[in-house]
C-alpha atoms as a PDB file:
ATOM      1  CA  MET A   1      12.942  -3.756 -46.797  1.00  0.00           C
ATOM      2  CA  SER A   2      13.573  -0.425 -46.984  1.00  0.00           C
ATOM      3  CA  ASN A   3      10.452   2.319 -46.826  1.00  0.00           C
ATOM      4  CA  GLU A   4      10.417   6.078 -46.648  1.00  0.00           C
ATOM      5  CA  ASN A   5      10.930   6.426 -43.314  1.00  0.00           C
ATOM      6  CA  ASP A   6      14.582   5.029 -43.899  1.00  0.00           C
ATOM      7  CA  GLN A   7      15.585   8.017 -45.394  1.00  0.00           C
ATOM      8  CA  LYS A   8      14.173  10.712 -42.590  1.00  0.00           C
ATOM      9  CA  PRO A   9      16.410  12.182 -39.913  1.00  0.00           C
ATOM     10  CA  ILE A  10      16.491  10.703 -36.385  1.00  0.00           C
ATOM     11  CA  CYS A  11      16.069  13.994 -34.998  1.00  0.00           C
ATOM     12  CA  GLU A  12      13.164  16.204 -36.489  1.00  0.00           C
ATOM     13  CA  ASP A  13      11.527  19.484 -35.452  1.00  0.00           C
ATOM     14  CA  GLY A  14      13.867  19.476 -32.096  1.00  0.00           C
ATOM     15  CA  VAL A  15      12.342  15.691 -31.488  1.00  0.00           C
ATOM     16  CA  ILE A  16      14.432  12.486 -31.301  1.00  0.00           C
ATOM     17  CA  LYS A  17      12.529   9.690 -32.913  1.00  0.00           C
ATOM     18  CA  GLY A  18      13.348   6.708 -30.955  1.00  0.00           C
ATOM     19  CA  ARG A  19      10.679   4.536 -32.469  1.00  0.00           C
ATOM     20  CA  ARG A  20      11.999   5.369 -35.983  1.00  0.00           C
ATOM     21  CA  LEU A  21      15.500   4.294 -35.197  1.00  0.00           C
ATOM     22  CA  SER A  22      14.438   1.549 -33.318  1.00  0.00           C
ATOM     23  CA  ASN A  23      12.347  -0.032 -36.384  1.00  0.00           C
ATOM     24  CA  ARG A  24      15.453   0.546 -38.485  1.00  0.00           C
ATOM     25  CA  ILE A  25      17.807  -1.384 -35.965  1.00  0.00           C
ATOM     26  CA  ARG A  26      15.265  -4.236 -35.618  1.00  0.00           C
ATOM     27  CA  THR A  27      14.652  -4.376 -39.391  1.00  0.00           C
ATOM     28  CA  GLY A  28      18.424  -4.784 -39.470  1.00  0.00           C
ATOM     29  CA  VAL A  29      18.612  -7.334 -36.779  1.00  0.00           C
ATOM     30  CA  GLN A  30      15.915  -9.613 -38.700  1.00  0.00           C
ATOM     31  CA  ASP A  31      17.615  -9.352 -42.431  1.00  0.00           C
ATOM     32  CA  GLU A  32      21.144 -10.560 -40.328  1.00  0.00           C
ATOM     33  CA  VAL A  33      19.246 -13.025 -38.709  1.00  0.00           C
ATOM     34  CA  GLU A  34      17.825 -14.361 -41.694  1.00  0.00           C
ATOM     35  CA  ALA A  35      20.846 -14.557 -43.404  1.00  0.00           C
ATOM     36  CA  LEU A  36      22.822 -16.542 -40.620  1.00  0.00           C
ATOM     37  CA  VAL A  37      20.261 -18.992 -40.210  1.00  0.00           C
ATOM     38  CA  ALA A  38      20.327 -19.682 -43.663  1.00  0.00           C
ATOM     39  CA  LYS A  39      24.175 -19.946 -43.503  1.00  0.00           C
ATOM     40  CA  HIS A  40      24.111 -21.918 -40.336  1.00  0.00           C
ATOM     41  CA  GLY A  41      21.016 -23.658 -40.200  1.00  0.00           C
ATOM     42  CA  ILE A  42      20.430 -22.667 -36.258  1.00  0.00           C
ATOM     43  CA  SER A  43      18.208 -19.995 -34.814  1.00  0.00           C
ATOM     44  CA  PRO A  44      19.242 -17.711 -32.333  1.00  0.00           C
ATOM     45  CA  LYS A  45      17.231 -18.118 -29.027  1.00  0.00           C
ATOM     46  CA  LEU A  46      16.590 -15.916 -26.280  1.00  0.00           C
ATOM     47  CA  VAL A  47      15.756 -17.298 -22.845  1.00  0.00           C
ATOM     48  CA  THR A  48      14.181 -14.911 -19.976  1.00  0.00           C
ATOM     49  CA  VAL A  49      13.824 -15.788 -16.548  1.00  0.00           C
ATOM     50  CA  ILE A  50      11.470 -14.352 -13.971  1.00  0.00           C
ATOM     51  CA  VAL A  51      11.393 -15.105 -10.139  1.00  0.00           C
ATOM     52  CA  GLY A  52       8.041 -13.903  -8.646  1.00  0.00           C
ATOM     53  CA  GLY A  53       5.324 -12.432 -10.246  1.00  0.00           C
ATOM     54  CA  ASP A  54       5.681  -8.703 -10.461  1.00  0.00           C
ATOM     55  CA  PRO A  55       3.389  -7.422 -13.197  1.00  0.00           C
ATOM     56  CA  GLY A  56       5.861  -5.077 -14.212  1.00  0.00           C
ATOM     57  CA  SER A  57       8.734  -7.347 -14.686  1.00  0.00           C
ATOM     58  CA  GLU A  58       6.230  -9.679 -16.694  1.00  0.00           C
ATOM     59  CA  MET A  59       5.066  -6.803 -18.832  1.00  0.00           C
ATOM     60  CA  TYR A  60       8.759  -6.103 -19.936  1.00  0.00           C
ATOM     61  CA  VAL A  61       9.131  -9.607 -20.565  1.00  0.00           C
ATOM     62  CA  ARG A  62       6.286 -10.063 -23.177  1.00  0.00           C
ATOM     63  CA  MET A  63       7.264  -7.209 -25.104  1.00  0.00           C
ATOM     64  CA  LYS A  64      10.932  -8.734 -25.273  1.00  0.00           C
ATOM     65  CA  HIS A  65       9.444 -12.031 -26.631  1.00  0.00           C
ATOM     66  CA  LYS A  66       6.957 -10.488 -29.058  1.00  0.00           C
ATOM     67  CA  ALA A  67      10.101  -7.973 -30.450  1.00  0.00           C
ATOM     68  CA  SER A  68      12.530 -11.523 -30.440  1.00  0.00           C
ATOM     69  CA  ASN A  69       9.665 -13.463 -32.490  1.00  0.00           C
ATOM     70  CA  LYS A  70       9.290 -10.839 -34.646  1.00  0.00           C
ATOM     71  CA  ALA A  71      12.704 -10.441 -35.451  1.00  0.00           C
ATOM     72  CA  GLY A  72      13.356 -14.263 -35.942  1.00  0.00           C
ATOM     73  CA  ILE A  73      14.923 -15.096 -32.722  1.00  0.00           C
ATOM     74  CA  LEU A  74      13.572 -17.813 -30.987  1.00  0.00           C
ATOM     75  CA  SER A  75      12.345 -17.362 -27.264  1.00  0.00           C
ATOM     76  CA  ASP A  76      11.670 -19.269 -24.387  1.00  0.00           C
ATOM     77  CA  HIS A  77      10.680 -18.256 -20.634  1.00  0.00           C
ATOM     78  CA  HIS A  78      10.857 -19.451 -17.235  1.00  0.00           C
ATOM     79  CA  GLY A  79       8.595 -17.823 -14.639  1.00  0.00           C
ATOM     80  CA  LEU A  80       9.342 -19.328 -11.041  1.00  0.00           C
ATOM     81  CA  PRO A  81       7.564 -18.941  -7.669  1.00  0.00           C
ATOM     82  CA  GLU A  82       8.856 -16.066  -5.507  1.00  0.00           C
ATOM     83  CA  ASP A  83      10.207 -18.476  -2.629  1.00  0.00           C
ATOM     84  CA  THR A  84      12.494 -20.112  -5.420  1.00  0.00           C
ATOM     85  CA  SER A  85      15.998 -20.833  -3.618  1.00  0.00           C
ATOM     86  CA  GLN A  86      19.245 -19.251  -4.691  1.00  0.00           C
ATOM     87  CA  GLU A  87      20.562 -22.554  -5.393  1.00  0.00           C
ATOM     88  CA  ASP A  88      17.720 -23.717  -7.433  1.00  0.00           C
ATOM     89  CA  LEU A  89      18.037 -20.604  -9.544  1.00  0.00           C
ATOM     90  CA  LEU A  90      21.768 -20.918  -9.816  1.00  0.00           C
ATOM     91  CA  LYS A  91      21.163 -24.586 -11.005  1.00  0.00           C
ATOM     92  CA  LEU A  92      18.596 -23.264 -13.881  1.00  0.00           C
ATOM     93  CA  ILE A  93      21.632 -20.658 -15.076  1.00  0.00           C
ATOM     94  CA  ASP A  94      24.147 -23.649 -15.224  1.00  0.00           C
ATOM     95  CA  LYS A  95      22.020 -25.466 -17.361  1.00  0.00           C
ATOM     96  CA  LEU A  96      20.871 -22.639 -19.414  1.00  0.00           C
ATOM     97  CA  ASN A  97      24.958 -21.858 -19.836  1.00  0.00           C
ATOM     98  CA  ASN A  98      25.606 -25.530 -20.891  1.00  0.00           C
ATOM     99  CA  ASP A  99      22.569 -25.445 -23.407  1.00  0.00           C
ATOM    100  CA  GLU A 100      23.955 -25.093 -27.019  1.00  0.00           C
ATOM    101  CA  THR A 101      20.570 -23.940 -28.084  1.00  0.00           C
ATOM    102  CA  VAL A 102      20.518 -21.096 -26.112  1.00  0.00           C
ATOM    103  CA  HIS A 103      22.233 -18.022 -27.317  1.00  0.00           C
ATOM    104  CA  GLY A 104      21.176 -15.144 -24.802  1.00  0.00           C
ATOM    105  CA  ILE A 105      19.838 -15.317 -21.102  1.00  0.00           C
ATOM    106  CA  LEU A 106      17.834 -12.582 -19.385  1.00  0.00           C
ATOM    107  CA  VAL A 107      17.291 -12.740 -15.397  1.00  0.00           C
ATOM    108  CA  GLN A 108      14.614 -10.037 -15.074  1.00  0.00           C
ATOM    109  CA  LEU A 109      15.526  -7.618 -12.340  1.00  0.00           C
ATOM    110  CA  PRO A 110      14.895  -6.829  -9.541  1.00  0.00           C
ATOM    111  CA  LEU A 111      14.919 -10.469  -7.816  1.00  0.00           C
ATOM    112  CA  PRO A 112      13.543 -11.205  -4.510  1.00  0.00           C
ATOM    113  CA  LYS A 113      15.432  -9.802  -1.300  1.00  0.00           C
ATOM    114  CA  HIS A 114      16.603 -13.621  -0.281  1.00  0.00           C
ATOM    115  CA  ILE A 115      18.596 -13.930  -3.869  1.00  0.00           C
ATOM    116  CA  ASP A 116      22.114 -12.161  -4.093  1.00  0.00           C
ATOM    117  CA  GLU A 117      21.780 -10.261  -7.720  1.00  0.00           C
ATOM    118  CA  LYS A 118      25.200  -9.954  -7.922  1.00  0.00           C
ATOM    119  CA  LYS A 119      25.863 -13.867  -7.730  1.00  0.00           C
ATOM    120  CA  ILE A 120      22.942 -14.413 -10.350  1.00  0.00           C
ATOM    121  CA  ILE A 121      24.227 -12.033 -12.642  1.00  0.00           C
ATOM    122  CA  GLY A 122      27.810 -13.415 -12.311  1.00  0.00           C
ATOM    123  CA  ALA A 123      27.138 -17.046 -12.909  1.00  0.00           C
ATOM    124  CA  ILE A 124      25.451 -16.395 -16.242  1.00  0.00           C
ATOM    125  CA  ASP A 125      27.873 -17.174 -19.296  1.00  0.00           C
ATOM    126  CA  PRO A 126      29.325 -13.666 -20.405  1.00  0.00           C
ATOM    127  CA  LEU A 127      28.876 -14.788 -23.914  1.00  0.00           C
ATOM    128  CA  LYS A 128      25.094 -15.311 -23.308  1.00  0.00           C
ATOM    129  CA  ASP A 129      24.701 -12.162 -20.954  1.00  0.00           C
ATOM    130  CA  VAL A 130      22.771 -10.076 -23.204  1.00  0.00           C
ATOM    131  CA  ASP A 131      21.942  -7.547 -20.569  1.00  0.00           C
ATOM    132  CA  GLY A 132      25.372  -6.724 -20.046  1.00  0.00           C
ATOM    133  CA  PHE A 133      25.752  -6.669 -16.626  1.00  0.00           C
ATOM    134  CA  SER A 134      28.239  -9.638 -16.041  1.00  0.00           C
ATOM    135  CA  PRO A 135      31.442  -8.625 -14.438  1.00  0.00           C
ATOM    136  CA  THR A 136      33.184  -9.644 -17.407  1.00  0.00           C
ATOM    137  CA  ASN A 137      30.970  -7.561 -19.619  1.00  0.00           C
ATOM    138  CA  ILE A 138      31.636  -4.593 -17.385  1.00  0.00           C
ATOM    139  CA  TYR A 139      35.239  -4.980 -17.107  1.00  0.00           C
ATOM    140  CA  ARG A 140      35.306  -4.950 -21.494  1.00  0.00           C
ATOM    141  CA  LEU A 141      33.315  -1.946 -21.105  1.00  0.00           C
ATOM    142  CA  PHE A 142      35.702  -0.029 -18.964  1.00  0.00           C
ATOM    143  CA  TYR A 143      38.198  -0.851 -21.179  1.00  0.00           C
ATOM    144  CA  GLY A 144      36.666   0.646 -24.296  1.00  0.00           C
ATOM    145  CA  GLY A 145      34.789  -2.696 -25.800  1.00  0.00           C
ATOM    146  CA  GLU A 146      30.952  -2.378 -26.406  1.00  0.00           C
ATOM    147  CA  LYS A 147      29.745  -5.804 -27.773  1.00  0.00           C
ATOM    148  CA  LEU A 148      27.486  -6.856 -24.995  1.00  0.00           C
ATOM    149  CA  SER A 149      26.772  -3.598 -23.046  1.00  0.00           C
ATOM    150  CA  ALA A 150      23.584  -2.634 -21.277  1.00  0.00           C
ATOM    151  CA  ALA A 151      20.644  -2.359 -23.384  1.00  0.00           C
ATOM    152  CA  THR A 152      19.518   1.085 -22.286  1.00  0.00           C
ATOM    153  CA  PRO A 153      22.639   2.943 -22.026  1.00  0.00           C
ATOM    154  CA  HIS A 154      23.607   1.551 -25.607  1.00  0.00           C
ATOM    155  CA  GLY A 155      20.631   2.932 -27.075  1.00  0.00           C
ATOM    156  CA  ILE A 156      21.212   6.070 -25.652  1.00  0.00           C
ATOM    157  CA  VAL A 157      24.763   6.337 -27.316  1.00  0.00           C
ATOM    158  CA  THR A 158      23.174   4.658 -30.419  1.00  0.00           C
ATOM    159  CA  MET A 159      20.586   7.655 -30.361  1.00  0.00           C
ATOM    160  CA  LEU A 160      23.654  10.241 -30.184  1.00  0.00           C
ATOM    161  CA  ASP A 161      25.618   8.615 -32.759  1.00  0.00           C
ATOM    162  CA  ALA A 162      22.535   8.514 -35.288  1.00  0.00           C
ATOM    163  CA  ILE A 163      22.078  12.498 -34.842  1.00  0.00           C
ATOM    164  CA  GLY A 164      25.730  13.062 -35.567  1.00  0.00           C
ATOM    165  CA  MET A 165      27.144  13.145 -32.080  1.00  0.00           C
ATOM    166  CA  ASP A 166      29.505   9.907 -32.296  1.00  0.00           C
ATOM    167  CA  ASP A 167      32.336  11.873 -31.205  1.00  0.00           C
ATOM    168  CA  LEU A 168      31.867  14.000 -28.184  1.00  0.00           C
ATOM    169  CA  SER A 169      35.214  15.533 -28.234  1.00  0.00           C
ATOM    170  CA  SER A 170      34.783  18.938 -26.153  1.00  0.00           C
ATOM    171  CA  LYS A 171      31.568  18.458 -25.350  1.00  0.00           C
ATOM    172  CA  HIS A 172      30.159  17.710 -21.501  1.00  0.00           C
ATOM    173  CA  ALA A 173      27.900  15.114 -20.526  1.00  0.00           C
ATOM    174  CA  VAL A 174      25.864  15.279 -17.523  1.00  0.00           C
ATOM    175  CA  ILE A 175      23.975  12.352 -16.245  1.00  0.00           C
ATOM    176  CA  ILE A 176      21.385  12.180 -13.441  1.00  0.00           C
ATOM    177  CA  ASN A 177      21.639   8.917 -12.231  1.00  0.00           C
ATOM    178  CA  ARG A 178      24.110   6.391 -11.008  1.00  0.00           C
ATOM    179  CA  SER A 179      22.391   2.845 -11.143  1.00  0.00           C
ATOM    180  CA  THR A 180      24.054  -0.066 -12.270  1.00  0.00           C
ATOM    181  CA  ILE A 181      21.599  -0.251 -15.080  1.00  0.00           C
ATOM    182  CA  VAL A 182      21.625   3.086 -16.950  1.00  0.00           C
ATOM    183  CA  GLY A 183      24.364   5.698 -15.097  1.00  0.00           C
ATOM    184  CA  LYS A 184      27.262   3.444 -14.382  1.00  0.00           C
ATOM    185  CA  PRO A 185      27.357   1.815 -17.995  1.00  0.00           C
ATOM    186  CA  LEU A 186      26.456   5.234 -19.586  1.00  0.00           C
ATOM    187  CA  ILE A 187      29.597   6.782 -18.050  1.00  0.00           C
ATOM    188  CA  PHE A 188      31.993   4.740 -20.000  1.00  0.00           C
ATOM    189  CA  LEU A 189      30.014   4.517 -23.256  1.00  0.00           C
ATOM    190  CA  LEU A 190      30.226   8.570 -23.478  1.00  0.00           C
ATOM    191  CA  LEU A 191      33.812   8.570 -22.308  1.00  0.00           C
ATOM    192  CA  ASN A 192      34.537   6.210 -25.160  1.00  0.00           C
ATOM    193  CA  ARG A 193      33.223   8.759 -27.378  1.00  0.00           C
ATOM    194  CA  ASN A 194      35.556  11.253 -25.688  1.00  0.00           C
ATOM    195  CA  ALA A 195      32.896  13.421 -23.745  1.00  0.00           C
ATOM    196  CA  THR A 196      33.671  15.051 -20.541  1.00  0.00           C
ATOM    197  CA  VAL A 197      31.300  13.297 -17.836  1.00  0.00           C
ATOM    198  CA  THR A 198      29.705  14.431 -14.871  1.00  0.00           C
ATOM    199  CA  VAL A 199      27.443  12.173 -12.652  1.00  0.00           C
ATOM    200  CA  CYS A 200      24.647  13.737 -10.812  1.00  0.00           C
ATOM    201  CA  HIS A 201      21.865  11.803  -8.256  1.00  0.00           C
ATOM    202  CA  SER A 202      20.117  12.403  -5.331  1.00  0.00           C
ATOM    203  CA  ARG A 203      22.816  13.633  -2.708  1.00  0.00           C
ATOM    204  CA  THR A 204      24.133  16.088  -5.774  1.00  0.00           C
ATOM    205  CA  ALA A 205      23.977  19.596  -4.049  1.00  0.00           C
ATOM    206  CA  ASP A 206      22.593  22.497  -6.694  1.00  0.00           C
ATOM    207  CA  LEU A 207      21.640  20.183  -9.399  1.00  0.00           C
ATOM    208  CA  PRO A 208      20.727  23.235 -12.002  1.00  0.00           C
ATOM    209  CA  SER A 209      24.408  24.614 -11.706  1.00  0.00           C
ATOM    210  CA  PHE A 210      25.628  21.125 -13.527  1.00  0.00           C
ATOM    211  CA  THR A 211      22.491  20.915 -15.831  1.00  0.00           C
ATOM    212  CA  ARG A 212      22.984  24.129 -17.328  1.00  0.00           C
ATOM    213  CA  GLN A 213      26.501  23.262 -18.483  1.00  0.00           C
ATOM    214  CA  ALA A 214      25.377  20.009 -20.262  1.00  0.00           C
ATOM    215  CA  ASP A 215      25.631  20.029 -23.907  1.00  0.00           C
ATOM    216  CA  VAL A 216      24.107  16.635 -23.505  1.00  0.00           C
ATOM    217  CA  LEU A 217      21.955  15.988 -20.653  1.00  0.00           C
ATOM    218  CA  VAL A 218      20.741  12.620 -19.751  1.00  0.00           C
ATOM    219  CA  THR A 219      18.242  12.258 -16.875  1.00  0.00           C
ATOM    220  CA  ALA A 220      16.797   8.857 -15.157  1.00  0.00           C
ATOM    221  CA  ILE A 221      14.916  10.305 -11.512  1.00  0.00           C
ATOM    222  CA  GLY A 222      11.726   8.561 -12.251  1.00  0.00           C
ATOM    223  CA  ARG A 223      10.027   9.743  -9.121  1.00  0.00           C
ATOM    224  CA  ARG A 224       7.090  11.447 -10.571  1.00  0.00           C
ATOM    225  CA  LYS A 225       3.716   9.515  -9.437  1.00  0.00           C
ATOM    226  CA  SER A 226       1.076  11.387 -11.724  1.00  0.00           C
ATOM    227  CA  GLU A 227       0.891  13.935 -14.216  1.00  0.00           C
ATOM    228  CA  ASP A 228       0.188  16.651 -11.958  1.00  0.00           C
ATOM    229  CA  ASP A 229       3.612  16.189 -10.309  1.00  0.00           C
ATOM    230  CA  SER A 230       6.144  19.196 -11.142  1.00  0.00           C
ATOM    231  CA  PHE A 231       8.647  18.192 -13.910  1.00  0.00           C
ATOM    232  CA  TYR A 232      12.340  17.756 -12.694  1.00  0.00           C
ATOM    233  CA  ILE A 233      14.034  19.407 -16.003  1.00  0.00           C
ATOM    234  CA  SER A 234      12.377  22.609 -16.689  1.00  0.00           C
ATOM    235  CA  PRO A 235      13.783  24.922 -19.645  1.00  0.00           C
ATOM    236  CA  ASP A 236      15.878  27.039 -17.280  1.00  0.00           C
ATOM    237  CA  MET A 237      17.903  24.308 -16.345  1.00  0.00           C
ATOM    238  CA  ILE A 238      19.215  23.362 -19.591  1.00  0.00           C
ATOM    239  CA  LYS A 239      21.677  25.198 -21.660  1.00  0.00           C
ATOM    240  CA  GLU A 240      20.623  26.299 -25.097  1.00  0.00           C
ATOM    241  CA  GLY A 241      21.231  24.001 -28.028  1.00  0.00           C
ATOM    242  CA  ALA A 242      21.490  20.825 -25.823  1.00  0.00           C
ATOM    243  CA  VAL A 243      20.674  17.457 -26.577  1.00  0.00           C
ATOM    244  CA  VAL A 244      18.405  16.308 -23.522  1.00  0.00           C
ATOM    245  CA  ILE A 245      17.784  12.366 -23.147  1.00  0.00           C
ATOM    246  CA  ASP A 246      14.938  11.788 -20.872  1.00  0.00           C
ATOM    247  CA  VAL A 247      15.133   7.913 -19.614  1.00  0.00           C
ATOM    248  CA  SER A 248      12.207   8.116 -17.088  1.00  0.00           C
ATOM    249  CA  THR A 249       9.018   6.173 -17.624  1.00  0.00           C
ATOM    250  CA  PRO A 250       6.149   6.430 -17.811  1.00  0.00           C
ATOM    251  CA  LEU A 251       6.021   9.943 -17.151  1.00  0.00           C
ATOM    252  CA  GLY A 252       9.413  11.469 -18.000  1.00  0.00           C
ATOM    253  CA  ASP A 253      11.689  14.002 -15.875  1.00  0.00           C
ATOM    254  CA  VAL A 254      11.605  16.544 -18.465  1.00  0.00           C
ATOM    255  CA  ASP A 255       8.929  19.471 -19.204  1.00  0.00           C
ATOM    256  CA  PHE A 256       8.905  17.980 -22.887  1.00  0.00           C
ATOM    257  CA  GLU A 257       6.675  20.995 -24.799  1.00  0.00           C
ATOM    258  CA  ALA A 258       8.768  23.719 -22.490  1.00  0.00           C
ATOM    259  CA  VAL A 259      12.017  22.538 -23.166  1.00  0.00           C
ATOM    260  CA  LYS A 260      11.575  21.284 -26.856  1.00  0.00           C
ATOM    261  CA  GLY A 261      11.815  25.284 -28.177  1.00  0.00           C
ATOM    262  CA  LYS A 262      15.353  25.505 -26.165  1.00  0.00           C
ATOM    263  CA  ALA A 263      17.107  22.198 -26.716  1.00  0.00           C
ATOM    264  CA  LYS A 264      18.500  21.160 -30.167  1.00  0.00           C
ATOM    265  CA  CYS A 265      17.028  17.818 -29.560  1.00  0.00           C
ATOM    266  CA  VAL A 266      14.920  16.356 -26.958  1.00  0.00           C
ATOM    267  CA  THR A 267      13.417  12.630 -26.479  1.00  0.00           C
ATOM    268  CA  PRO A 268       9.593  12.302 -26.172  1.00  0.00           C
ATOM    269  CA  VAL A 269       8.328  10.047 -23.305  1.00  0.00           C
ATOM    270  CA  PRO A 270       6.804   7.447 -24.526  1.00  0.00           C
ATOM    271  CA  GLY A 271       8.245   7.177 -27.733  1.00  0.00           C
ATOM    272  CA  GLY A 272      12.321   7.713 -27.284  1.00  0.00           C
ATOM    273  CA  VAL A 273      14.449   5.960 -25.112  1.00  0.00           C
ATOM    274  CA  GLY A 274      12.170   2.770 -24.413  1.00  0.00           C
ATOM    275  CA  PRO A 275      11.898   1.464 -27.812  1.00  0.00           C
ATOM    276  CA  MET A 276      15.566   1.528 -28.258  1.00  0.00           C
ATOM    277  CA  THR A 277      15.940  -0.380 -25.116  1.00  0.00           C
ATOM    278  CA  ILE A 278      14.207  -3.537 -26.840  1.00  0.00           C
ATOM    279  CA  ALA A 279      15.955  -2.880 -30.143  1.00  0.00           C
ATOM    280  CA  MET A 280      19.407  -2.918 -28.451  1.00  0.00           C
ATOM    281  CA  LEU A 281      18.423  -6.154 -26.737  1.00  0.00           C
ATOM    282  CA  LEU A 282      17.909  -7.680 -29.900  1.00  0.00           C
ATOM    283  CA  ARG A 283      21.022  -6.721 -31.071  1.00  0.00           C
ATOM    284  CA  ASN A 284      22.822  -8.144 -28.228  1.00  0.00           C
ATOM    285  CA  VAL A 285      21.275 -11.079 -28.829  1.00  0.00           C
ATOM    286  CA  LEU A 286      22.205 -11.291 -32.243  1.00  0.00           C
ATOM    287  CA  ASP A 287      25.833 -10.238 -31.406  1.00  0.00           C
ATOM    288  CA  ALA A 288      25.830 -13.198 -28.734  1.00  0.00           C
ATOM    289  CA  TYR A 289      24.413 -15.698 -31.533  1.00  0.00           C
ATOM    290  CA  SER A 290      27.227 -14.612 -34.197  1.00  0.00           C
ATOM    291  CA  ALA A 291      29.961 -14.864 -31.421  1.00  0.00           C
ATOM    292  CA  GLN A 292      28.685 -18.471 -30.504  1.00  0.00           C
ATOM    293  CA  ILE A 293      28.108 -19.953 -33.831  1.00  0.00           C
ATOM    294  CA  SER A 294      31.599 -18.649 -35.105  1.00  0.00           C
END
């Protein structure tokens, strides 16, 4: 079902409308789910796992379930106690891997320190790895495949695609983050679009000298503790006409109001990358489901 927002630009008045694009993607996923369920008689299903009672993790998982159910994707959840052993968690993952009614598995990170995250992520069936973190899916991304890639980086490049920057030839992209969740997958997603990519981090000297070169600047520092803290990215640190993507929540890295007049497009916080992360997770669940039922 379309509405007037379907025709509106994703970058409007210098602001990237993450919620607008997210809603379009979620509507598309819902339409595809309805068509595939009607054809195959099988509903896609996402299963999430949390070990421990971290409030932030529980909030994110609730959001994922709510969005999944709205899109017609079934969901289930396993909330495990903090002292769950690695062996028991691996047994659960093996059970989910072999359950044909489950099409997507998401183990919420971080895990307790006594559990090896790499071993857990590596145990998830790559076809059901809707986080895109398994070694097989990272390998595919390295060689140019983006079928199941990490939701936040995939959301970022989807926003760039939507504002006409699907080919980044001759463009310089600067990422301030080197995590396995954002920075590292994003490197390859940008390289796949022919960008020249620079990665900065906490050990980078003279950060502004790099950010001022960026045609596309992606920042995910996320260390502001209150609204009174100084922003990490100010107008004097960006290039005129750059696209600025602020991944950090809930307070953001970028002085949005000040940067908006200098940047070509900038994401707000909230309402920018956050909604896209949920949308791309739903897209991953649908893609995983499609691959398995075919």
